[in-house]
Amino acid sequence: VQLQASGGGLVRAGGSLTLSCVASKSTADINYMAWYRQSPGKGRELVAGDAVRGPFTFSRDNAKNIAYLHLTDLKPEDSGVYYCYACDRGADYWGKGTLVTVSS
């Protein structure tokens, strides 16, 4: 499974962004999808995904084979590289990441 993430950018604190992750196969057939974030000096952490709730909203559009991460009320500490993740038939797949920078 190939994953292509996009939608990152520079946004002011309090702003919003929607990240997109296009999968190379039908997302309806992918067991699990999620978004992770890696901030400078930190490890990769889970942000949101299937059956995972957090401050941001994860959703899928299986008709378009896209997973989304809706980022709202962003804070500078939300800055980092956001990675799309999929687990399909026991194998892990990662996209290349998209950078989100939140200015204060």
C-alpha atoms as a PDB file:
ATOM      1  CA  VAL A   1       0.000   0.000   0.000  1.00  0.00           C
ATOM      2  CA  GLN A   2       1.381   3.387  -0.955  1.00  0.00           C
ATOM      3  CA  LEU A   3       0.255   6.434   0.992  1.00  0.00           C
ATOM      4  CA  GLN A   4       0.575  10.014  -0.194  1.00  0.00           C
ATOM      5  CA  ALA A   5      -0.014  12.698   2.420  1.00  0.00           C
ATOM      6  CA  SER A   6      -0.629  16.344   1.668  1.00  0.00           C
ATOM      7  CA  GLY A   7      -2.224  19.457   3.080  1.00  0.00           C
ATOM      8  CA  GLY A   8       0.429  20.662   5.484  1.00  0.00           C
ATOM      9  CA  GLY A   9       1.584  24.238   5.637  1.00  0.00           C
ATOM     10  CA  LEU A  10       2.075  27.294   7.778  1.00  0.00           C
ATOM     11  CA  VAL A  11      -0.875  28.400   9.863  1.00  0.00           C
ATOM     12  CA  ARG A  12      -1.370  30.802  12.738  1.00  0.00           C
ATOM     13  CA  ALA A  13      -2.297  29.612  16.192  1.00  0.00           C
ATOM     14  CA  GLY A  14      -6.027  29.039  16.389  1.00  0.00           C
ATOM     15  CA  GLY A  15      -6.224  28.179  12.718  1.00  0.00           C
ATOM     16  CA  SER A  16      -7.240  24.973  10.981  1.00  0.00           C
ATOM     17  CA  LEU A  17      -5.909  22.601   8.373  1.00  0.00           C
ATOM     18  CA  THR A  18      -7.143  19.419   6.781  1.00  0.00           C
ATOM     19  CA  LEU A  19      -4.563  16.816   5.867  1.00  0.00           C
ATOM     20  CA  SER A  20      -5.278  14.235   3.199  1.00  0.00           C
ATOM     21  CA  CYS A  21      -3.816  10.785   2.678  1.00  0.00           C
ATOM     22  CA  VAL A  22      -4.435   9.116  -0.656  1.00  0.00           C
ATOM     23  CA  ALA A  23      -4.018   5.356  -0.639  1.00  0.00           C
ATOM     24  CA  SER A  24      -3.012   3.235  -3.608  1.00  0.00           C
ATOM     25  CA  LYS A  25      -5.757   0.713  -2.884  1.00  0.00           C
ATOM     26  CA  SER A  26      -9.293   0.885  -1.683  1.00  0.00           C
ATOM     27  CA  THR A  27      -9.308   2.242   1.851  1.00  0.00           C
ATOM     28  CA  ALA A  28     -12.397   0.149   2.472  1.00  0.00           C
ATOM     29  CA  ASP A  29     -10.099  -2.877   2.290  1.00  0.00           C
ATOM     30  CA  ILE A  30      -7.458  -1.471   4.663  1.00  0.00           C
ATOM     31  CA  ASN A  31      -7.789  -2.824   8.173  1.00  0.00           C
ATOM     32  CA  TYR A  32      -6.606   0.211  10.082  1.00  0.00           C
ATOM     33  CA  MET A  33      -5.512   3.768   9.301  1.00  0.00           C
ATOM     34  CA  ALA A  34      -4.224   6.566  11.467  1.00  0.00           C
ATOM     35  CA  TRP A  35      -2.172   9.732  11.580  1.00  0.00           C
ATOM     36  CA  TYR A  36       1.018  10.207  13.571  1.00  0.00           C
ATOM     37  CA  ARG A  37       3.046  13.304  14.315  1.00  0.00           C
ATOM     38  CA  GLN A  38       6.758  13.715  14.847  1.00  0.00           C
ATOM     39  CA  SER A  39       7.890  16.952  16.417  1.00  0.00           C
ATOM     40  CA  PRO A  40      11.535  18.076  16.610  1.00  0.00           C
ATOM     41  CA  GLY A  41      13.403  16.090  19.241  1.00  0.00           C
ATOM     42  CA  LYS A  42      10.478  13.762  19.865  1.00  0.00           C
ATOM     43  CA  GLY A  43       9.394  10.349  18.734  1.00  0.00           C
ATOM     44  CA  ARG A  44       6.492   9.646  16.456  1.00  0.00           C
ATOM     45  CA  GLU A  45       3.193   9.830  18.355  1.00  0.00           C
ATOM     46  CA  LEU A  46      -0.318   8.769  17.475  1.00  0.00           C
ATOM     47  CA  VAL A  47      -2.643  11.703  16.807  1.00  0.00           C
ATOM     48  CA  ALA A  48      -5.888  10.141  15.604  1.00  0.00           C
ATOM     49  CA  GLY A  49      -7.140   7.119  13.719  1.00  0.00           C
ATOM     50  CA  ASP A  50      -9.782   4.465  13.452  1.00  0.00           C
ATOM     51  CA  ALA A  51     -11.389   4.080  16.871  1.00  0.00           C
ATOM     52  CA  VAL A  52      -8.881   6.545  18.332  1.00  0.00           C
ATOM     53  CA  ARG A  53     -10.193   9.818  19.672  1.00  0.00           C
ATOM     54  CA  GLY A  54      -8.178  12.898  20.352  1.00  0.00           C
ATOM     55  CA  PRO A  55      -8.304  16.651  19.909  1.00  0.00           C
ATOM     56  CA  PHE A  56      -8.340  16.240  16.120  1.00  0.00           C
ATOM     57  CA  THR A  57     -10.778  14.351  13.930  1.00  0.00           C
ATOM     58  CA  PHE A  58      -9.898  11.405  11.735  1.00  0.00           C
ATOM     59  CA  SER A  59     -12.152  10.383   8.884  1.00  0.00           C
ATOM     60  CA  ARG A  60     -12.125   8.241   5.780  1.00  0.00           C
ATOM     61  CA  ASP A  61     -13.771   8.629   2.405  1.00  0.00           C
ATOM     62  CA  ASN A  62     -13.691   5.099   1.079  1.00  0.00           C
ATOM     63  CA  ALA A  63     -15.240   6.168  -2.210  1.00  0.00           C
ATOM     64  CA  LYS A  64     -12.167   8.325  -2.893  1.00  0.00           C
ATOM     65  CA  ASN A  65      -9.600   6.148  -1.081  1.00  0.00           C
ATOM     66  CA  ILE A  66      -8.625   9.092   1.105  1.00  0.00           C
ATOM     67  CA  ALA A  67      -8.139   9.425   4.839  1.00  0.00           C
ATOM     68  CA  TYR A  68      -8.309  12.853   6.429  1.00  0.00           C
ATOM     69  CA  LEU A  69      -7.087  14.524   9.565  1.00  0.00           C
ATOM     70  CA  HIS A  70      -8.990  17.647  10.503  1.00  0.00           C
ATOM     71  CA  LEU A  71      -6.797  19.925  12.600  1.00  0.00           C
ATOM     72  CA  THR A  72      -8.590  22.702  14.455  1.00  0.00           C
ATOM     73  CA  ASP A  73      -7.646  25.316  17.037  1.00  0.00           C
ATOM     74  CA  LEU A  74      -4.004  24.644  16.300  1.00  0.00           C
ATOM     75  CA  LYS A  75      -1.272  25.496  18.771  1.00  0.00           C
ATOM     76  CA  PRO A  76       2.464  25.923  18.197  1.00  0.00           C
ATOM     77  CA  GLU A  77       3.080  22.608  19.962  1.00  0.00           C
ATOM     78  CA  ASP A  78       1.011  20.889  17.254  1.00  0.00           C
ATOM     79  CA  SER A  79       3.789  21.651  14.784  1.00  0.00           C
ATOM     80  CA  GLY A  80       5.597  18.718  13.271  1.00  0.00           C
ATOM     81  CA  VAL A  81       5.627  16.285  10.405  1.00  0.00           C
ATOM     82  CA  TYR A  82       2.373  14.397  10.114  1.00  0.00           C
ATOM     83  CA  TYR A  83       2.509  10.876   8.764  1.00  0.00           C
ATOM     84  CA  CYS A  84      -0.271   8.759   7.402  1.00  0.00           C
ATOM     85  CA  TYR A  85      -0.173   5.153   8.580  1.00  0.00           C
ATOM     86  CA  ALA A  86      -1.963   2.016   7.450  1.00  0.00           C
ATOM     87  CA  CYS A  87      -1.956  -1.520   8.740  1.00  0.00           C
ATOM     88  CA  ASP A  88      -3.124  -3.958   6.109  1.00  0.00           C
ATOM     89  CA  ARG A  89      -3.060  -7.715   6.550  1.00  0.00           C
ATOM     90  CA  GLY A  90      -0.466  -7.412   9.307  1.00  0.00           C
ATOM     91  CA  ALA A  91       1.916  -5.166   7.385  1.00  0.00           C
ATOM     92  CA  ASP A  92       2.713  -1.566   8.306  1.00  0.00           C
ATOM     93  CA  TYR A  93       2.777   1.205   5.743  1.00  0.00           C
ATOM     94  CA  TRP A  94       3.836   4.831   6.122  1.00  0.00           C
ATOM     95  CA  GLY A  95       3.467   7.837   3.919  1.00  0.00           C
ATOM     96  CA  LYS A  96       6.312  10.353   3.533  1.00  0.00           C
ATOM     97  CA  GLY A  97       4.753  12.936   5.805  1.00  0.00           C
ATOM     98  CA  THR A  98       3.539  16.476   5.463  1.00  0.00           C
ATOM     99  CA  LEU A  99       4.884  19.371   7.519  1.00  0.00           C
ATOM    100  CA  VAL A 100       2.608  21.483   9.679  1.00  0.00           C
ATOM    101  CA  THR A 101       4.007  24.644  11.227  1.00  0.00           C
ATOM    102  CA  VAL A 102       1.896  26.638  13.646  1.00  0.00           C
ATOM    103  CA  SER A 103       3.080  30.158  14.390  1.00  0.00           C
ATOM    104  CA  SER A 104       2.244  31.935  17.611  1.00  0.00           C
END
